[in-house]
Amino acid sequence: MSTAATFNIKGEKVDAVTLPKELFGVEVKPQLLAQAVRVWLSNQRKAFAKTKTRKDVAKTTAKMYKQKGTGRARHGSYAAPIFVGGGVAHGPSGEQNYKLSLSSKMRKLALLGALSAKASAHEIMVIEGSDKATGKTKQLAWLPEEKKLVILDKGQIKFKQAIRNLGQTVVRGPESLSAYEILANKQLILTKEVISSIKKIHVA
């Protein structure tokens, strides 16, 4: 059974909470996690790369020289890809589709596997008394400086205001979690209240 250290809003360690086995005690499958990360990263890509084809480059349309009688190879347009300054053949068009997908079952298993990996590595912190947050960043300045993913319920507005200005901090709701963001951040920070919300959403 996995446990996580519990801290109050002042940063004082007060207890250790037992984490639900359904969320944090799932078998970790490295291959599935790697696939989930690849899919997530690929889906963030935008098709910015674009080249000019022979119809796009600014070249004269006049034939280079007459078709016959020169002994040279037959050529027409200066915009052909074989010439310097000509168009690019088979280059990116700006309409590339990098979208990949995972089945809902695989996505769920990857998410639970990522949560379980964090629990096994003892990289989870639980904060109680989030309702006492004042919205001031200095109230949570004691949190570790390393990259952290903070999971909050929608109603925890003051706590979100207090934590969102901390450096290297990503704030997400329980409904928008991804295996990539869990693994990409060193610390996973939960409020006591949000654990039940995660379980309700991601455990059938």
Protein backbone atom coordinates (compact mmCIF):
# COMPACT_ATOMS: atom_id res chain seq x y z
CA MET A 1 0.00 0.00 0.00
CA SER A 2 1.46 3.36 -1.07
CA THR A 3 1.57 6.33 1.25
CA ALA A 4 2.39 10.00 0.78
CA ALA A 5 3.53 12.65 3.24
CA THR A 6 0.83 15.14 4.21
CA PHE A 7 1.59 18.80 4.89
CA ASN A 8 -0.53 21.63 6.17
CA ILE A 9 -0.80 24.98 4.43
CA LYS A 10 2.23 26.25 6.39
CA GLY A 11 4.48 23.47 5.10
CA GLU A 12 4.55 21.47 8.34
CA LYS A 13 4.46 17.71 7.96
CA VAL A 14 1.43 16.49 9.86
CA ASP A 15 0.73 12.94 8.73
CA ALA A 16 1.04 10.31 6.04
CA VAL A 17 -2.00 9.45 3.96
CA THR A 18 -2.68 6.04 2.43
CA LEU A 19 -3.17 6.38 -1.32
CA PRO A 20 -5.98 4.41 -3.01
CA LYS A 21 -4.68 1.22 -4.57
CA GLU A 22 -6.97 1.65 -7.58
CA LEU A 23 -5.12 4.84 -8.49
CA PHE A 24 -1.61 4.43 -7.15
CA GLY A 25 -1.11 0.67 -7.00
CA VAL A 26 -1.51 -0.24 -10.66
CA GLU A 27 1.12 -2.19 -12.62
CA VAL A 28 3.52 0.18 -14.37
CA LYS A 29 4.06 -0.74 -18.03
CA PRO A 30 7.06 1.23 -19.41
CA GLN A 31 6.20 0.47 -23.04
CA LEU A 32 2.67 1.83 -22.63
CA LEU A 33 3.95 4.93 -20.84
CA ALA A 34 6.46 5.55 -23.65
CA GLN A 35 3.67 5.23 -26.20
CA ALA A 36 1.42 7.62 -24.26
CA VAL A 37 4.24 10.19 -24.07
CA ARG A 38 4.92 9.90 -27.81
CA VAL A 39 1.22 10.37 -28.64
CA TRP A 40 0.92 13.40 -26.34
CA LEU A 41 4.03 15.10 -27.75
CA SER A 42 3.06 14.37 -31.34
CA ASN A 43 -0.37 15.89 -30.78
CA GLN A 44 1.26 19.15 -29.63
CA ARG A 45 3.05 19.58 -32.97
CA LYS A 46 1.92 22.25 -35.41
CA ALA A 47 2.51 22.11 -39.16
CA PHE A 48 4.60 25.27 -39.58
CA ALA A 49 7.12 23.86 -42.08
CA LYS A 50 6.26 24.72 -45.66
CA THR A 51 8.31 24.84 -48.87
CA LYS A 52 7.67 26.41 -52.27
CA THR A 53 6.98 24.04 -55.14
CA ARG A 54 7.82 24.83 -58.77
CA LYS A 55 4.49 26.65 -59.15
CA ASP A 56 5.24 28.93 -56.16
CA VAL A 57 8.76 30.19 -56.92
CA ALA A 58 9.22 33.47 -58.80
CA LYS A 59 10.86 32.39 -62.05
CA THR A 60 10.31 33.23 -65.69
CA THR A 61 8.02 30.94 -67.61
CA ALA A 62 10.13 31.25 -70.76
CA LYS A 63 11.73 28.07 -72.07
CA MET A 64 15.47 27.91 -71.25
CA TYR A 65 16.52 27.24 -74.84
CA LYS A 66 15.07 25.60 -77.89
CA GLN A 67 14.01 21.98 -77.70
CA LYS A 68 16.25 20.59 -80.44
CA GLY A 69 19.58 21.26 -82.06
CA THR A 70 21.69 22.26 -79.06
CA GLY A 71 22.91 18.80 -78.09
CA ARG A 72 21.93 19.52 -74.52
CA ALA A 73 19.28 17.90 -72.37
CA ARG A 74 15.70 19.03 -72.88
CA HIS A 75 14.59 21.59 -70.27
CA GLY A 76 11.59 23.81 -69.94
CA SER A 77 11.09 25.76 -66.74
CA TYR A 78 13.73 27.44 -64.60
CA ALA A 79 11.50 26.56 -61.62
CA ALA A 80 12.18 22.82 -61.94
CA PRO A 81 13.51 21.26 -58.70
CA ILE A 82 16.84 20.29 -60.29
CA PHE A 83 17.92 23.93 -60.65
CA VAL A 84 19.27 26.27 -57.97
CA GLY A 85 16.43 28.53 -56.91
CA GLY A 86 13.86 26.15 -58.28
CA GLY A 87 10.94 24.69 -56.38
CA VAL A 88 11.28 21.91 -53.83
CA ALA A 89 10.00 18.47 -54.74
CA HIS A 90 7.99 16.57 -52.13
CA GLY A 91 8.67 19.13 -49.37
CA PRO A 92 6.33 19.85 -46.45
CA SER A 93 3.14 21.60 -47.51
CA GLY A 94 2.07 23.17 -44.22
CA GLU A 95 -0.79 20.70 -43.98
CA GLN A 96 1.06 17.85 -42.30
CA ASN A 97 -1.04 15.87 -39.84
CA TYR A 98 0.91 14.72 -36.79
CA LYS A 99 -2.14 13.54 -34.83
CA LEU A 100 -1.87 10.17 -33.09
CA SER A 101 -4.35 8.49 -30.81
CA LEU A 102 -4.63 5.98 -28.00
CA SER A 103 -7.70 3.94 -27.20
CA SER A 104 -9.56 5.10 -24.10
CA LYS A 105 -8.52 1.92 -22.30
CA MET A 106 -4.83 2.44 -23.08
CA ARG A 107 -5.05 6.12 -22.13
CA LYS A 108 -6.60 5.21 -18.78
CA LEU A 109 -4.01 2.49 -18.06
CA ALA A 110 -1.18 4.87 -18.97
CA LEU A 111 -2.55 7.55 -16.65
CA LEU A 112 -2.95 5.14 -13.73
CA GLY A 113 0.51 3.71 -14.47
CA ALA A 114 2.02 7.20 -14.33
CA LEU A 115 0.32 7.92 -10.99
CA SER A 116 1.56 4.57 -9.64
CA ALA A 117 5.10 5.28 -10.85
CA LYS A 118 5.08 8.57 -8.92
CA ALA A 119 3.82 6.79 -5.80
CA SER A 120 6.54 4.14 -6.08
CA ALA A 121 9.19 6.85 -6.43
CA HIS A 122 7.81 8.72 -3.37
CA GLU A 123 7.30 11.84 -5.48
CA ILE A 124 3.80 12.69 -4.25
CA MET A 125 2.92 15.35 -1.68
CA VAL A 126 -0.54 15.81 -0.18
CA ILE A 127 -1.66 19.16 1.23
CA GLU A 128 -4.51 19.41 3.71
CA GLY A 129 -6.35 22.55 4.72
CA SER A 130 -6.36 24.01 1.21
CA ASP A 131 -9.52 25.90 2.19
CA LYS A 132 -7.32 28.08 4.42
CA ALA A 133 -5.42 29.47 1.45
CA THR A 134 -5.56 33.26 1.18
CA GLY A 135 -4.53 33.52 -2.46
CA LYS A 136 -1.09 34.89 -1.56
CA THR A 137 1.85 33.19 -3.30
CA LYS A 138 4.13 33.62 -0.28
CA GLN A 139 1.85 31.28 1.67
CA LEU A 140 3.07 28.37 -0.49
CA ALA A 141 6.64 29.54 -1.07
CA TRP A 142 7.84 26.57 1.00
CA LEU A 143 6.98 24.13 -1.79
CA PRO A 144 9.96 22.56 -3.62
CA GLU A 145 11.45 24.63 -6.45
CA GLU A 146 11.68 21.67 -8.83
CA LYS A 147 9.10 21.09 -11.56
CA LYS A 148 5.74 20.20 -10.09
CA LEU A 149 2.27 19.27 -11.26
CA VAL A 150 -0.50 20.46 -8.94
CA ILE A 151 -3.94 18.86 -9.22
CA LEU A 152 -6.84 20.92 -7.90
CA ASP A 153 -10.63 20.77 -7.87
CA LYS A 154 -12.53 23.63 -9.53
CA GLY A 155 -13.69 25.05 -6.21
CA GLN A 156 -10.17 25.56 -4.82
CA ILE A 157 -9.86 29.08 -6.25
CA LYS A 158 -7.79 30.73 -3.50
CA PHE A 159 -5.35 27.83 -3.44
CA LYS A 160 -4.96 28.05 -7.22
CA GLN A 161 -4.32 31.80 -7.00
CA ALA A 162 -1.65 31.18 -4.39
CA ILE A 163 0.20 28.48 -6.30
CA ARG A 164 -0.04 29.43 -9.96
CA ASN A 165 2.65 32.14 -9.74
CA LEU A 166 5.27 29.77 -8.32
CA GLY A 167 8.05 28.90 -10.74
CA GLN A 168 8.03 25.60 -12.63
CA THR A 169 4.43 24.89 -11.63
CA VAL A 170 1.69 23.38 -13.79
CA VAL A 171 -1.87 23.41 -12.43
CA ARG A 172 -4.44 20.95 -13.76
CA GLY A 173 -7.90 19.73 -12.84
CA PRO A 174 -8.55 16.02 -12.24
CA GLU A 175 -10.45 15.78 -15.52
CA SER A 176 -7.55 17.03 -17.68
CA LEU A 177 -4.67 14.84 -16.51
CA SER A 178 -2.21 13.23 -18.90
CA ALA A 179 0.44 10.59 -18.34
CA TYR A 180 3.01 12.88 -19.99
CA GLU A 181 2.52 15.80 -17.60
CA ILE A 182 2.59 13.52 -14.58
CA LEU A 183 5.90 11.99 -15.68
CA ALA A 184 7.44 15.26 -16.94
CA ASN A 185 7.19 16.93 -13.52
CA LYS A 186 9.36 15.84 -10.62
CA GLN A 187 6.74 16.35 -7.89
CA LEU A 188 3.04 15.56 -7.96
CA ILE A 189 1.14 17.73 -5.49
CA LEU A 190 -2.42 16.86 -4.50
CA THR A 191 -4.89 18.32 -2.08
CA LYS A 192 -6.65 15.82 0.16
CA GLU A 193 -9.98 16.67 -1.42
CA VAL A 194 -8.88 16.08 -5.01
CA ILE A 195 -7.88 12.43 -4.52
CA SER A 196 -11.51 11.32 -4.39
CA SER A 197 -12.27 13.41 -7.51
CA ILE A 198 -9.46 11.72 -9.45
CA LYS A 199 -10.75 8.33 -8.37
CA LYS A 200 -14.31 9.19 -9.37
CA ILE A 201 -13.27 10.34 -12.85
CA HIS A 202 -10.55 7.84 -13.77
CA VAL A 203 -11.52 4.61 -12.03
CA ALA A 204 -14.55 2.84 -13.46
